[in-house]
Amino acid sequence: MKIMKNLFKISGLAVIALMAMVSCSKNDDTAMEGESYNTTFEVTDAPIDNANVEAVFVTITNVTVDGKSLEGFNATTVNLAALVDGKTAVLGNLDLQAKTYSNIVFELDFDKDVNGDAPGCYVEKANGEKDALVAASNKINITDSFEVLAQAKNVIVIDFDLRKTIKEEKSALSSDFDFVTMSELSAGIRTVNKETTGKISGSASDSKNTSDKIIVYAYKKGTFNADAETKGKGKSGVTFANAVTSAEVKGISGSYSLDFLEEGEYELIFASYKEDEANGFSFNSLLEVESATGLKLGLIDVNSALKLTVNVKVTGTVQ
């Protein structure tokens, strides 16, 4: 009997210990699930490849994430065309739990900017003229997702890619700019956590003078289709629509910078543009290039720990 009592006592203690462990585990899980991390939101832009565009101003009146407005955000009129080559503008912040999010909404004012002047969203042309931008709705639902990381400095970069989100209708006497369709507008904006991005920068030497302008496009490995990408996609005919981002090759040195690339494998595509007085810049052809260091341009591994330098030489145009 004494042995049986001891066994019952031991069993009872084991059960109590087990219940305590389960309770502690649940409390730990609840604490982890409930912990939030201050997350900053910034906006940037991939450049628009149009010589007629001097600036692109948008007036943002509200930004929400999962229905919550950003803290510290004030209505702002920002020149997106100036936010290239890694430049950003801070919008606000939120305390968010560590998980994946996919519901950002931008609210725009098409009518007035923050100073009360009309219009609120517009293209400023090279001649100084303002061309109002409007869309079917003033609320843009961004379909791309981003991840908030535990124990990290979370900065979410919203890339408002003007090349994909602005279209131009040309006539014999003038041109008119507008936002693309709502579905194209949503798809033309990407979101990334800066903590998990890298960049590719470098130069492109064009001693053969093949182009009046060169644009370099970054594609996820295996996603570039020359025929489809150069002909244009969707109702607005967006060319190079599947490119993650792009950059203009600029200056005497032919420098470029592809920023905020999520970790992964990429291929670089270089395209030639020609300029004429009537139509500005228009796509001419893809370019044949070779790496100055023997790097495979169709397989570039990007990670957040390393900034890659990719210098190339243009050897000709793709016939």
Protein backbone atom coordinates (compact mmCIF):
# COMPACT_ATOMS: atom_id res chain seq x y z
CA MET A 1 0.00 0.00 0.00
CA LYS A 2 2.84 2.33 0.84
CA ILE A 3 4.39 1.68 -2.55
CA MET A 4 1.06 2.39 -4.27
CA LYS A 5 0.70 5.69 -2.37
CA ASN A 6 4.18 6.74 -3.44
CA LEU A 7 3.38 5.88 -7.05
CA PHE A 8 0.18 7.96 -6.92
CA LYS A 9 2.10 10.82 -5.35
CA ILE A 10 4.82 10.68 -8.01
CA SER A 11 2.23 10.43 -10.81
CA GLY A 12 0.34 13.40 -9.40
CA LEU A 13 3.49 15.50 -9.26
CA ALA A 14 4.35 14.53 -12.85
CA VAL A 15 0.90 15.59 -14.07
CA ILE A 16 1.16 18.92 -12.24
CA ALA A 17 4.63 19.51 -13.71
CA LEU A 18 3.41 18.65 -17.19
CA MET A 19 0.44 21.01 -16.87
CA ALA A 20 2.75 23.77 -15.68
CA MET A 21 5.04 23.23 -18.67
CA VAL A 22 2.09 23.35 -21.09
CA SER A 23 0.81 26.51 -19.41
CA CYS A 24 4.23 28.18 -19.64
CA SER A 25 4.56 27.11 -23.29
CA LYS A 26 1.16 28.63 -24.09
CA ASN A 27 2.10 31.84 -22.30
CA ASP A 28 5.40 32.01 -24.19
CA ASP A 29 3.61 31.43 -27.52
CA THR A 30 1.05 34.09 -26.69
CA ALA A 31 3.79 36.54 -25.79
CA MET A 32 5.62 35.84 -29.04
CA GLU A 33 2.45 36.13 -31.09
CA GLY A 34 1.53 39.41 -29.41
CA GLU A 35 4.95 41.06 -29.69
CA SER A 36 5.07 43.92 -32.20
CA TYR A 37 7.96 45.62 -33.99
CA ASN A 38 8.08 49.25 -35.04
CA THR A 39 8.02 49.26 -38.83
CA THR A 40 8.86 52.26 -41.01
CA PHE A 41 7.33 52.76 -44.45
CA GLU A 42 9.17 54.59 -47.25
CA VAL A 43 8.40 55.27 -50.90
CA THR A 44 10.81 55.14 -53.85
CA ASP A 45 10.61 54.91 -57.64
CA ALA A 46 12.10 53.12 -60.62
CA PRO A 47 12.71 55.82 -63.27
CA ILE A 48 10.33 56.50 -66.16
CA ASP A 49 12.08 56.23 -69.53
CA ASN A 50 10.47 59.27 -71.17
CA ALA A 51 12.34 62.46 -72.09
CA ASN A 52 9.12 64.50 -72.00
CA VAL A 53 8.73 63.88 -68.25
CA GLU A 54 10.51 66.32 -65.97
CA ALA A 55 8.74 65.28 -62.74
CA VAL A 56 5.78 63.23 -61.51
CA PHE A 57 3.94 64.56 -58.46
CA VAL A 58 1.39 62.55 -56.49
CA THR A 59 -0.55 63.77 -53.47
CA ILE A 60 -0.94 61.00 -50.91
CA THR A 61 -3.63 61.65 -48.29
CA ASN A 62 -3.59 58.34 -46.41
CA VAL A 63 -1.70 55.04 -46.27
CA THR A 64 -3.19 52.03 -44.47
CA VAL A 65 -1.82 48.58 -43.67
CA ASP A 66 -4.47 45.98 -42.85
CA GLY A 67 -6.89 48.87 -42.38
CA LYS A 68 -4.66 50.81 -39.94
CA SER A 69 -3.39 54.28 -40.96
CA LEU A 70 0.33 54.91 -40.64
CA GLU A 71 1.32 56.79 -37.50
CA GLY A 72 3.21 60.03 -38.04
CA PHE A 73 1.91 60.29 -41.59
CA ASN A 74 0.81 63.68 -42.90
CA ALA A 75 -0.70 64.26 -46.32
CA THR A 76 2.17 64.86 -48.71
CA THR A 77 2.79 65.83 -52.31
CA VAL A 78 5.92 64.05 -53.45
CA ASN A 79 7.90 64.08 -56.68
CA LEU A 80 8.31 60.37 -57.32
CA ALA A 81 10.63 60.96 -60.27
CA ALA A 82 13.24 62.36 -57.87
CA LEU A 83 13.23 59.21 -55.70
CA VAL A 84 15.54 57.08 -57.85
CA ASP A 85 18.93 55.41 -57.37
CA GLY A 86 18.08 54.32 -53.83
CA LYS A 87 16.54 57.61 -52.64
CA THR A 88 13.40 57.29 -50.50
CA ALA A 89 10.88 59.47 -48.65
CA VAL A 90 9.58 58.39 -45.24
CA LEU A 91 5.79 58.10 -45.02
CA GLY A 92 5.20 56.92 -41.44
CA ASN A 93 5.34 53.86 -39.20
CA LEU A 94 3.28 51.19 -37.47
CA ASP A 95 3.84 48.61 -34.75
CA LEU A 96 3.31 45.28 -36.51
CA GLN A 97 3.65 41.64 -35.53
CA ALA A 98 6.26 39.52 -37.27
CA LYS A 99 4.45 37.95 -40.22
CA THR A 100 3.64 38.46 -43.91
CA TYR A 101 1.31 41.30 -44.96
CA SER A 102 -0.36 41.95 -48.28
CA ASN A 103 -2.85 44.74 -47.78
CA ILE A 104 -1.47 48.26 -48.29
CA VAL A 105 -3.82 50.95 -49.60
CA PHE A 106 -2.67 54.32 -50.95
CA GLU A 107 -5.27 57.10 -51.05
CA LEU A 108 -4.56 59.89 -53.54
CA ASP A 109 -6.00 63.35 -54.12
CA PHE A 110 -6.29 63.93 -57.86
CA ASP A 111 -7.74 67.44 -57.51
CA LYS A 112 -5.45 69.39 -55.16
CA ASP A 113 -1.95 69.13 -53.70
CA VAL A 114 -1.16 69.79 -50.03
CA ASN A 115 -0.98 73.53 -50.73
CA GLY A 116 -4.48 73.54 -52.23
CA ASP A 117 -3.25 73.99 -55.79
CA ALA A 118 -4.66 72.00 -58.71
CA PRO A 119 -4.06 69.33 -59.82
CA GLY A 120 -3.08 67.02 -56.97
CA CYS A 121 -1.40 64.39 -59.18
CA TYR A 122 0.33 65.38 -62.38
CA VAL A 123 3.21 64.98 -64.80
CA GLU A 124 5.38 68.05 -65.17
CA LYS A 125 6.56 68.06 -68.77
CA ALA A 126 9.95 69.27 -69.95
CA ASN A 127 8.32 72.52 -71.15
CA GLY A 128 6.89 73.20 -67.67
CA GLU A 129 3.30 72.24 -68.52
CA LYS A 130 1.29 70.30 -65.92
CA ASP A 131 -0.62 67.26 -67.22
CA ALA A 132 -3.14 65.99 -64.64
CA LEU A 133 -3.08 62.31 -63.68
CA VAL A 134 -6.31 60.52 -62.75
CA ALA A 135 -7.44 56.93 -62.31
CA ALA A 136 -10.75 55.10 -61.96
CA SER A 137 -10.38 55.21 -58.15
CA ASN A 138 -8.35 57.31 -55.74
CA LYS A 139 -7.59 54.20 -53.66
CA ILE A 140 -4.78 51.96 -54.90
CA ASN A 141 -4.77 48.47 -53.41
CA ILE A 142 -1.19 47.20 -53.57
CA THR A 143 -1.25 43.48 -54.24
CA ASP A 144 2.41 42.74 -53.47
CA SER A 145 3.32 41.28 -50.06
CA PHE A 146 6.04 42.05 -47.53
CA GLU A 147 7.33 40.44 -44.36
CA VAL A 148 7.90 42.01 -40.95
CA LEU A 149 10.81 40.24 -39.25
CA ALA A 150 11.24 39.54 -35.54
CA GLN A 151 14.15 41.28 -33.81
CA ALA A 152 15.04 43.35 -36.89
CA LYS A 153 15.01 46.97 -38.05
CA ASN A 154 12.00 46.76 -40.35
CA VAL A 155 11.86 49.32 -43.14
CA ILE A 156 9.29 48.57 -45.83
CA VAL A 157 10.11 50.20 -49.17
CA ILE A 158 7.18 50.82 -51.52
CA ASP A 159 8.46 51.04 -55.10
CA PHE A 160 5.98 53.15 -57.10
CA ASP A 161 7.38 52.15 -60.51
CA LEU A 162 6.48 55.08 -62.80
CA ARG A 163 7.52 53.16 -65.89
CA LYS A 164 4.73 50.66 -65.18
CA THR A 165 2.14 52.99 -63.67
CA ILE A 166 2.13 55.98 -66.06
CA LYS A 167 1.08 55.80 -69.72
CA GLU A 168 1.32 58.31 -72.54
CA GLU A 169 -1.25 58.81 -75.29
CA LYS A 170 0.34 60.53 -78.28
CA SER A 171 -1.32 62.47 -81.08
CA ALA A 172 0.05 64.49 -83.99
CA LEU A 173 0.13 67.71 -81.95
CA SER A 174 0.46 66.69 -78.30
CA SER A 175 0.78 63.94 -75.74
CA ASP A 176 -1.38 63.17 -72.72
CA PHE A 177 -0.23 61.30 -69.62
CA ASP A 178 -2.43 59.27 -67.30
CA PHE A 179 -2.32 56.44 -64.80
CA VAL A 180 -2.65 52.95 -66.25
CA THR A 181 -5.68 50.78 -65.41
CA MET A 182 -6.35 50.02 -61.73
CA SER A 183 -5.18 46.41 -62.03
CA GLU A 184 -1.98 47.52 -63.79
CA LEU A 185 -1.49 50.27 -61.21
CA SER A 186 -1.72 47.79 -58.34
CA ALA A 187 0.64 45.37 -60.09
CA GLY A 188 3.13 48.16 -60.88
CA ILE A 189 3.89 48.84 -57.20
CA ARG A 190 6.08 46.44 -55.24
CA THR A 191 6.86 46.24 -51.53
CA VAL A 192 10.03 44.88 -49.93
CA ASN A 193 11.63 44.79 -46.50
CA LYS A 194 14.93 46.66 -46.86
CA GLU A 195 16.53 44.20 -44.41
CA THR A 196 16.30 41.42 -47.02
CA THR A 197 17.37 43.36 -50.12
CA GLY A 198 20.58 43.95 -51.99
CA LYS A 199 21.61 46.07 -54.95
CA ILE A 200 23.43 45.80 -58.24
CA SER A 201 25.34 48.82 -59.49
CA GLY A 202 27.97 49.36 -62.11
CA SER A 203 28.57 50.88 -65.50
CA ALA A 204 27.84 50.18 -69.17
CA SER A 205 30.41 51.30 -71.72
CA ASP A 206 28.99 51.98 -75.19
CA SER A 207 31.99 52.84 -77.37
CA LYS A 208 30.00 51.82 -80.47
CA ASN A 209 27.40 54.56 -79.78
CA THR A 210 24.52 52.18 -80.30
CA SER A 211 22.00 54.23 -78.31
CA ASP A 212 20.79 57.68 -77.32
CA LYS A 213 19.76 56.15 -74.00
CA ILE A 214 20.34 52.76 -72.36
CA ILE A 215 18.03 51.23 -69.77
CA VAL A 216 19.02 48.18 -67.73
CA TYR A 217 16.29 45.86 -66.45
CA ALA A 218 16.60 43.33 -63.63
CA TYR A 219 14.58 40.12 -64.07
CA LYS A 220 14.19 37.16 -61.79
CA LYS A 221 16.23 34.37 -63.39
CA GLY A 222 14.32 32.61 -66.18
CA THR A 223 11.44 35.12 -66.43
CA PHE A 224 12.59 37.22 -69.39
CA ASN A 225 10.90 36.58 -72.74
CA ALA A 226 12.29 38.96 -75.37
CA ASP A 227 9.33 38.82 -77.73
CA ALA A 228 6.67 39.36 -75.05
CA GLU A 229 8.54 41.98 -73.04
CA THR A 230 9.45 44.27 -75.94
CA LYS A 231 5.97 44.25 -77.53
CA GLY A 232 4.12 45.49 -74.46
CA LYS A 233 1.67 43.88 -72.06
CA GLY A 234 -1.91 44.57 -71.03
CA LYS A 235 -4.34 47.29 -72.00
CA SER A 236 -1.72 50.01 -71.51
CA GLY A 237 0.96 48.17 -73.50
CA VAL A 238 3.59 48.31 -70.74
CA THR A 239 6.93 47.11 -72.09
CA PHE A 240 9.37 45.13 -69.93
CA ALA A 241 6.41 44.64 -67.58
CA ASN A 242 7.88 41.63 -65.75
CA ALA A 243 11.11 43.38 -64.83
CA VAL A 244 11.53 43.65 -61.06
CA THR A 245 13.07 47.10 -61.44
CA SER A 246 15.07 49.17 -63.90
CA ALA A 247 17.61 51.96 -64.08
CA GLU A 248 18.89 54.46 -66.61
CA VAL A 249 22.54 54.27 -67.63
CA LYS A 250 23.68 57.85 -66.99
CA GLY A 251 26.57 60.24 -67.40
CA ILE A 252 29.94 59.99 -69.05
CA SER A 253 30.81 56.98 -66.90
CA GLY A 254 27.60 55.17 -67.92
CA SER A 255 26.72 54.37 -64.30
CA TYR A 256 23.53 52.69 -63.12
CA SER A 257 22.03 51.44 -59.86
CA LEU A 258 19.38 48.75 -59.34
CA ASP A 259 18.19 49.11 -55.76
CA PHE A 260 16.05 47.19 -53.25
CA LEU A 261 16.33 43.81 -54.97
CA GLU A 262 15.03 40.93 -52.87
CA GLU A 263 17.51 38.12 -52.31
CA GLY A 264 17.60 35.67 -55.21
CA GLU A 265 18.97 35.02 -58.68
CA TYR A 266 18.63 37.65 -61.40
CA GLU A 267 19.51 38.32 -65.01
CA LEU A 268 20.29 41.76 -66.45
CA ILE A 269 18.82 42.94 -69.75
CA PHE A 270 20.18 46.05 -71.47
CA ALA A 271 17.97 47.90 -73.97
CA SER A 272 18.74 50.60 -76.52
CA TYR A 273 16.52 53.67 -77.00
CA LYS A 274 16.66 56.20 -79.84
CA GLU A 275 15.42 59.80 -79.69
CA ASP A 276 13.67 61.91 -82.29
CA GLU A 277 12.07 65.35 -82.02
CA ALA A 278 8.53 64.13 -82.74
CA ASN A 279 8.29 61.14 -80.39
CA GLY A 280 11.08 61.54 -77.85
CA PHE A 281 12.73 58.27 -76.79
CA SER A 282 11.46 54.99 -78.19
CA PHE A 283 12.69 51.43 -77.84
CA ASN A 284 15.24 50.52 -80.51
CA SER A 285 16.60 47.06 -79.74
CA LEU A 286 18.05 44.83 -77.08
CA LEU A 287 21.79 45.12 -76.61
CA GLU A 288 24.49 42.51 -76.66
CA VAL A 289 26.80 43.08 -73.70
CA GLU A 290 29.66 41.29 -72.02
CA SER A 291 30.85 41.50 -68.44
CA ALA A 292 34.15 43.25 -67.84
CA THR A 293 35.00 40.64 -65.20
CA GLY A 294 33.60 37.49 -66.81
CA LEU A 295 30.45 37.50 -64.65
CA LYS A 296 27.46 35.57 -66.00
CA LEU A 297 24.82 38.26 -66.59
CA GLY A 298 22.09 35.62 -66.76
CA LEU A 299 22.84 34.31 -63.27
CA ILE A 300 23.58 36.99 -60.69
CA ASP A 301 23.08 36.01 -57.06
CA VAL A 302 21.84 38.92 -54.94
CA ASN A 303 21.86 38.88 -51.14
CA SER A 304 21.57 41.53 -48.45
CA ALA A 305 25.12 41.08 -47.21
CA LEU A 306 26.89 42.00 -50.44
CA LYS A 307 26.63 44.94 -52.84
CA LEU A 308 27.41 43.73 -56.33
CA THR A 309 29.29 45.70 -58.95
CA VAL A 310 28.54 44.67 -62.53
CA ASN A 311 30.43 46.55 -65.24
CA VAL A 312 29.63 45.70 -68.85
CA LYS A 313 30.71 46.62 -72.37
CA VAL A 314 28.16 46.96 -75.18
CA THR A 315 29.27 44.85 -78.12
CA GLY A 316 26.32 45.44 -80.47
CA THR A 317 22.56 45.28 -80.91
CA VAL A 318 20.41 42.15 -81.05
CA GLN A 319 19.22 41.64 -84.62
